[in-house]
C-alpha atoms as a PDB file:
ATOM      1  CA  MET A   1     130.892  98.814 118.149  1.00  0.00           C
ATOM      2  CA  LEU A   2     128.816  95.353 117.451  1.00  0.00           C
ATOM      3  CA  GLY A   3     125.855  97.645 119.859  1.00  0.00           C
ATOM      4  CA  ILE A   4     126.166 100.354 117.239  1.00  0.00           C
ATOM      5  CA  VAL A   5     125.332  97.704 114.399  1.00  0.00           C
ATOM      6  CA  GLN A   6     122.340  96.423 116.138  1.00  0.00           C
ATOM      7  CA  PHE A   7     120.919  99.463 116.929  1.00  0.00           C
ATOM      8  CA  ILE A   8     121.160 100.602 113.577  1.00  0.00           C
ATOM      9  CA  ARG A   9     120.026  97.361 112.247  1.00  0.00           C
ATOM     10  CA  SER A  10     117.150  97.734 114.264  1.00  0.00           C
ATOM     11  CA  LEU A  11     116.260 101.051 113.757  1.00  0.00           C
ATOM     12  CA  ILE A  12     116.277 100.267 109.822  1.00  0.00           C
ATOM     13  CA  PHE A  13     113.608  97.150 110.575  1.00  0.00           C
ATOM     14  CA  VAL A  14     111.339  99.288 112.348  1.00  0.00           C
ATOM     15  CA  ALA A  15     111.423 102.010 109.551  1.00  0.00           C
ATOM     16  CA  ILE A  16     110.574  98.987 107.272  1.00  0.00           C
ATOM     17  CA  ALA A  17     107.621  97.829 109.590  1.00  0.00           C
ATOM     18  CA  LEU A  18     106.152 101.254 109.859  1.00  0.00           C
ATOM     19  CA  GLY A  19     106.396 101.683 106.096  1.00  0.00           C
ATOM     20  CA  ALA A  20     104.910  98.331 105.632  1.00  0.00           C
ATOM     21  CA  ALA A  21     101.761  99.365 107.981  1.00  0.00           C
ATOM     22  CA  GLY A  22     101.404 102.408 106.768  1.00  0.00           C
ATOM     23  CA  THR A  23     101.089 101.123 102.917  1.00  0.00           C
ATOM     24  CA  LEU A  24      98.197  98.419 103.991  1.00  0.00           C
ATOM     25  CA  VAL A  25      96.446 101.318 106.256  1.00  0.00           C
ATOM     26  CA  GLU A  26      96.309 103.184 103.235  1.00  0.00           C
ATOM     27  CA  ALA A  27      94.913 100.023 101.028  1.00  0.00           C
ATOM     28  CA  THR A  28      92.824 100.333 103.557  1.00  0.00           C
ATOM     29  CA  GLY A  29      91.200 102.901 103.165  1.00  0.00           C
ATOM     30  CA  ILE A  30      91.229 103.277  99.599  1.00  0.00           C
ATOM     31  CA  VAL A  31      89.515  99.857  99.556  1.00  0.00           C
ATOM     32  CA  GLY A  32      87.253 100.713 102.033  1.00  0.00           C
ATOM     33  CA  ARG A  33      86.438 104.288  99.899  1.00  0.00           C
ATOM     34  CA  GLU A  34      85.954 101.968  96.777  1.00  0.00           C
ATOM     35  CA  ALA A  35      83.557 100.087  98.327  1.00  0.00           C
ATOM     36  CA  ALA A  36      81.398 102.376  99.732  1.00  0.00           C
ATOM     37  CA  LYS A  37      80.920 103.750  95.913  1.00  0.00           C
ATOM     38  CA  ALA A  38      80.511 100.421  94.801  1.00  0.00           C
ATOM     39  CA  HIS A  39      77.744 100.160  97.466  1.00  0.00           C
ATOM     40  CA  GLN A  40      75.831 103.678  96.581  1.00  0.00           C
ATOM     41  CA  HIS A  41      75.585 102.583  93.098  1.00  0.00           C
ATOM     42  CA  GLY A  42      73.293  99.627  93.830  1.00  0.00           C
ATOM     43  CA  GLY A  43      74.596  95.700  94.276  1.00  0.00           C
ATOM     44  CA  MET A  44      76.931  93.798  92.234  1.00  0.00           C
ATOM     45  CA  SER A  45      76.187  90.449  90.481  1.00  0.00           C
ATOM     46  CA  PHE A  46      78.176  88.235  90.460  1.00  0.00           C
ATOM     47  CA  LYS A  47      76.240  85.941  87.863  1.00  0.00           C
ATOM     48  CA  TRP A  48      78.583  85.988  85.070  1.00  0.00           C
ATOM     49  CA  LEU A  49      81.645  84.911  87.682  1.00  0.00           C
ATOM     50  CA  ASN A  50      79.886  82.342  89.454  1.00  0.00           C
ATOM     51  CA  SER A  51      79.080  81.197  85.894  1.00  0.00           C
ATOM     52  CA  GLN A  52      82.702  81.361  84.483  1.00  0.00           C
ATOM     53  CA  PHE A  53      83.611  78.924  87.955  1.00  0.00           C
ATOM     54  CA  VAL A  54      80.755  76.480  87.788  1.00  0.00           C
ATOM     55  CA  GLY A  55      80.330  75.987  83.681  1.00  0.00           C
ATOM     56  CA  THR A  56      77.047  76.920  83.669  1.00  0.00           C
ATOM     57  CA  GLY A  57      75.411  79.832  81.262  1.00  0.00           C
ATOM     58  CA  GLY A  58      78.142  79.894  78.841  1.00  0.00           C
ATOM     59  CA  ARG A  59      78.996  78.806  75.851  1.00  0.00           C
ATOM     60  CA  LYS A  60      78.267  74.914  74.319  1.00  0.00           C
END
């Protein structure tokens, strides 16, 4: 009986692992497509973001 429970537990673990891997692959594909779109529209400027971190160029 214990062997059956361990087998079912391992099946559940494998199913969760495959689901997580599939989600990561899908997310990677989505991010890749968005990066390609952003690249086609030209470079992105991080001037505003950098000024928020460094504190230059903002209100004084």
